[in-house]
Every structure is written in C-alpha cells, then in structure tokens.
Protein backbone atom coordinates (compact mmCIF):
# COMPACT_ATOMS: atom_id res chain seq x y z
CA UNK A 1 42.59 102.11 87.93
CA UNK A 2 45.74 101.20 86.39
CA UNK A 3 48.70 103.60 88.26
CA UNK A 4 51.81 105.14 86.88
CA UNK A 5 54.73 106.78 87.36
CA UNK A 6 56.51 108.71 84.33
CA UNK A 7 60.43 109.76 84.15
CA UNK A 8 61.27 112.10 81.81
CA UNK A 9 63.60 115.04 81.80
CA UNK A 10 62.21 117.41 79.60
CA UNK A 11 59.72 118.89 81.84
CA UNK A 12 57.39 120.25 79.09
CA UNK A 13 57.11 116.70 77.77
CA UNK A 14 56.99 115.42 81.16
CA UNK A 15 53.60 117.53 82.00
CA UNK A 16 52.01 116.61 78.76
CA UNK A 17 52.33 113.06 79.06
CA UNK A 18 50.80 113.10 82.61
CA UNK A 19 47.91 115.11 81.41
CA UNK A 20 47.24 113.17 78.35
CA UNK A 21 47.53 109.90 80.11
CA UNK A 22 45.16 111.26 83.42
CA UNK A 23 42.32 111.73 80.35
CA UNK A 24 42.06 108.21 80.11
CA UNK A 25 39.30 106.94 82.77
CA UNK A 26 41.47 103.62 83.71
CA UNK A 27 44.42 105.67 83.90
CA UNK A 28 46.11 107.61 86.90
CA UNK A 29 49.36 109.10 87.39
CA UNK A 30 50.77 109.04 90.62
CA UNK A 31 54.63 110.13 90.46
CA UNK A 32 56.42 112.07 88.02
CA UNK A 33 60.41 112.25 87.62
CA UNK A 34 62.89 113.95 86.06
CA UNK A 35 65.53 111.58 85.90
CA UNK A 36 65.88 107.49 86.46
CA UNK A 37 66.99 107.91 90.12
CA UNK A 38 63.79 109.98 91.28
CA UNK A 39 61.93 107.39 89.15
CA UNK A 40 63.37 104.39 91.21
CA UNK A 41 62.31 106.13 94.40
CA UNK A 42 58.72 106.81 93.24
CA UNK A 43 58.24 103.34 92.12
CA UNK A 44 59.62 102.45 95.67
CA UNK A 45 57.11 104.88 97.46
CA UNK A 46 53.77 104.18 95.64
CA UNK A 47 54.28 100.75 94.24
CA UNK A 48 52.65 101.51 90.98
CA UNK A 49 51.42 99.30 88.26
CA UNK A 50 53.81 100.89 85.02
CA UNK A 51 56.57 103.08 84.82
CA UNK A 52 57.01 104.98 81.53
CA UNK A 53 60.72 106.08 81.31
CA UNK A 54 62.68 108.07 78.74
CA UNK A 55 66.37 106.47 78.38
CA UNK A 56 68.74 109.77 78.06
CA UNK A 57 67.90 111.52 81.71
CA UNK A 58 70.73 112.53 84.17
CA UNK A 59 71.75 110.94 87.53
CA UNK A 60 70.57 107.56 86.46
CA UNK A 61 69.43 106.77 82.57
CA UNK A 62 66.00 104.89 81.94
CA UNK A 63 67.75 101.97 80.72
CA UNK A 64 70.21 101.66 84.62
CA UNK A 65 66.50 102.32 86.41
CA UNK A 66 64.60 99.42 84.00
CA UNK A 67 67.52 97.23 85.07
CA UNK A 68 67.39 97.77 88.54
CA UNK A 69 63.30 97.28 88.37
CA UNK A 70 63.75 93.88 86.54
CA UNK A 71 62.61 91.87 89.46
CA UNK A 72 60.20 94.32 90.65
CA UNK A 73 56.27 93.54 90.63
CA UNK A 74 56.43 97.28 88.55
CA UNK A 75 56.30 96.88 84.50
CA UNK A 76 58.98 99.30 82.47
CA UNK A 77 57.43 100.84 79.34
CA UNK A 78 60.60 102.41 77.69
CA UNK A 79 59.61 105.67 75.73
CA UNK A 80 62.22 107.41 73.69
CA UNK A 81 62.93 109.08 70.30
CA UNK A 82 66.03 106.42 70.02
CA UNK A 83 65.11 103.92 67.65
CA UNK A 84 68.84 101.95 68.78
CA UNK A 85 69.33 98.32 68.14
CA UNK A 86 71.93 98.36 71.38
CA UNK A 87 69.25 100.40 73.65
CA UNK A 88 66.49 97.58 72.51
CA UNK A 89 68.68 94.68 72.95
CA UNK A 90 70.06 96.32 76.30
CA UNK A 91 66.15 97.34 77.10
CA UNK A 92 65.12 93.24 76.19
CA UNK A 93 67.41 91.87 78.27
CA UNK A 94 66.48 94.00 81.19
CA UNK A 95 62.22 92.43 80.51
CA UNK A 96 60.82 95.39 79.90
CA UNK A 97 57.44 95.25 79.09
CA UNK A 98 57.61 98.02 75.97
CA UNK A 99 59.65 100.05 74.00
CA UNK A 100 57.66 102.75 72.20
CA UNK A 101 58.74 105.63 70.38
CA UNK A 102 57.97 109.48 71.16
CA UNK A 103 56.66 110.26 67.53
CA UNK A 104 53.83 107.42 68.17
CA UNK A 105 50.47 108.92 68.19
CA UNK A 106 49.33 109.32 71.80
CA UNK A 107 46.41 106.98 72.12
CA UNK A 108 48.91 104.34 71.20
CA UNK A 109 50.70 104.76 74.67
CA UNK A 110 47.22 104.18 76.46
CA UNK A 111 46.54 101.31 74.57
CA UNK A 112 50.10 99.63 75.20
CA UNK A 113 49.24 100.24 78.69
CA UNK A 114 46.53 98.45 78.71
CA UNK A 115 47.74 95.69 76.85
CA UNK A 116 50.75 95.31 78.81
CA UNK A 117 48.60 94.95 81.75
CA UNK A 118 47.05 91.80 80.30
CA UNK A 119 50.58 90.22 80.74
CA UNK A 120 51.74 90.73 76.93
CA UNK A 121 54.48 92.90 75.58
CA UNK A 122 54.91 95.94 73.33
CA UNK A 123 57.46 96.49 70.56
CA UNK A 124 57.63 99.71 68.32
CA UNK A 125 57.92 97.75 64.66
CA UNK A 126 60.96 99.56 63.74
CA UNK A 127 63.00 98.29 66.90
CA UNK A 128 62.10 94.59 66.16
CA UNK A 129 63.35 95.21 62.32
CA UNK A 130 66.56 96.70 63.72
CA UNK A 131 67.19 93.70 66.18
CA UNK A 132 66.43 91.49 64.08
CA UNK A 133 68.47 92.72 61.18
CA UNK A 134 72.07 91.99 60.52
CA UNK A 135 72.80 95.24 61.23
CA UNK A 136 72.61 94.42 64.80
CA UNK A 137 75.19 92.07 64.90
CA UNK A 138 78.77 92.82 65.91
CA UNK A 139 80.81 92.23 62.90
CA UNK A 140 83.95 92.81 65.01
CA UNK A 141 86.42 89.84 66.24
CA UNK A 142 87.43 89.79 70.12
CA UNK A 143 90.99 91.05 68.97
CA UNK A 144 89.18 93.99 66.77
CA UNK A 145 87.29 95.04 69.65
CA UNK A 146 90.59 94.99 71.92
CA UNK A 147 92.02 97.45 69.06
CA UNK A 148 88.97 99.77 69.20
CA UNK A 149 88.65 99.75 73.01
CA UNK A 150 92.26 101.34 73.14
CA UNK A 151 91.69 103.68 70.18
CA UNK A 152 88.71 105.16 72.14
CA UNK A 153 91.17 105.32 75.51
CA UNK A 154 93.05 107.92 73.37
CA UNK A 155 96.15 105.69 72.79
CA UNK A 156 98.17 106.06 69.63
CA UNK A 157 99.18 103.26 66.95
CA UNK A 158 102.55 102.69 68.38
CA UNK A 159 101.19 102.69 72.24
CA UNK A 160 98.25 99.92 71.31
CA UNK A 161 100.79 97.43 69.10
CA UNK A 162 103.18 98.03 72.53
CA UNK A 163 99.65 96.88 74.64
CA UNK A 164 98.83 94.09 72.43
CA UNK A 165 102.60 92.95 71.81
CA UNK A 166 102.41 93.49 67.82
CA UNK A 167 104.03 95.41 65.88
CA UNK A 168 102.54 98.87 64.50
CA UNK A 169 101.69 97.53 60.74
CA UNK A 170 99.38 95.07 62.36
CA UNK A 171 97.61 97.45 64.58
CA UNK A 172 97.30 99.55 61.21
CA UNK A 173 95.82 96.54 59.01
CA UNK A 174 93.60 96.09 62.23
CA UNK A 175 92.35 99.50 61.79
CA UNK A 176 91.71 99.34 58.14
CA UNK A 177 89.81 96.30 58.66
CA UNK A 178 87.75 97.94 61.64
CA UNK A 179 86.59 101.03 59.61
CA UNK A 180 85.60 98.78 56.47
CA UNK A 181 83.56 96.40 58.66
CA UNK A 182 81.94 99.11 60.07
CA UNK A 183 81.59 101.01 57.37
CA UNK A 184 82.84 104.47 58.60
CA UNK A 185 85.49 107.04 57.37
CA UNK A 186 87.76 107.34 60.77
CA UNK A 187 88.46 106.36 63.83
CA UNK A 188 86.03 108.70 65.82
CA UNK A 189 83.32 107.55 63.78
CA UNK A 190 84.01 103.87 64.26
CA UNK A 191 83.85 104.91 68.01
CA UNK A 192 80.85 106.68 67.62
CA UNK A 193 79.26 103.72 65.80
CA UNK A 194 80.19 101.10 67.77
CA UNK A 195 78.58 102.60 71.10
CA UNK A 196 75.56 103.87 69.27
CA UNK A 197 74.61 100.52 68.27
CA UNK A 198 75.16 99.15 71.73
CA UNK A 199 78.32 96.70 71.21
CA UNK A 200 80.51 98.16 73.84
CA UNK A 201 80.79 96.25 77.15
C-alpha cells in the first residue's frame, strides 16, 4: 500500500483529491493538510511514501515545504495550476519526484504516483518545454538586475542613481533596456514578469 499525504488550501479540491485516490486499491490517504507547515507536520507524524502539494498555500508554500523535505525519504509531487518555468526550476532544485498540472486527467495522478514509487520522475510535458526553451533564461545582466531590484523596492530614478553612483540618464537607459529585454511596457510589468519567471533571487 502506498501511503499519501495531500496538501491543498482549497478545501473542496482537497476533499476531491483524497476521495479519488482512496478509490485506488493500492493507495491510502493518511493525512490532508491546508498549508505547507501542516503538510510537514503530517509527513513527520505519518511518514508517508508520497506527499502531494499545491504551490501557493498560506503559512508555508508547497515549494518551501518541498525544500525542507529534500533529504527526507518521502517523495514529493507538486500538483499546481501554474506552468511557470521559475517554479519548475525551483522544484527541480528541491529534487521533487513529480510536477503535474491540475488540469491533467485524474487517472494520470494515480499512475504518476506508481511510476514515482518505482524511482522515476514525472514532469508535465508543458513544463519541460518551458524549462528548456529560451524563455526560461534570465536575459538581464547583473547591473540590470540591481536596477530592477531597486525599482521593486520603490526607489525613484534619482535614488537609484545615487545608490549605484551613476547619473539619472544612465539609469533611464538601463530601465529602457530592461523593458526591451523583458518585452514589457512599464516598470510594474517588468517587476511582475521577473518574479513570475522565478528569476528574482
């Protein structure tokens, strides 16, 4: 019997996932959590074979919990709505066993659990395309990243210039290059895209 803990902050989806997996003869749900911290507590308590986690949860995200379980015998599957290369890259660094999307057929999840228990990894095809395509590479130089970080901290062009000991004109040039490289129209979009891609440190 494969013992499973599920972590999902949407109560209805959490219940549905638990019910679906319980229908499988070789799967047993031993715990259900509403956030990443609760998931870690249940893993320590029940010592399951697999922990299935959403990413965006309160208290502690699924990725943060996965990173803490990196050297723990429990295998981690990320089950999320978000096909984002930055999330996928971070999950791979945490050595998760699977990364699946919520719009996959329900039987795919049960089959993926069995494959993972054989020692293999399962990644949604869309994520592999994202991760290994050019768009997953950070196009900004170190200096451009510094400028964007200061922008995200709410600094004005003049304040950034003072911090980096450059002229305001040079900073404006950097901003123009950043917007061009990220293919966005303004500073807010630049910050949003940079974070969404998982490039922010």
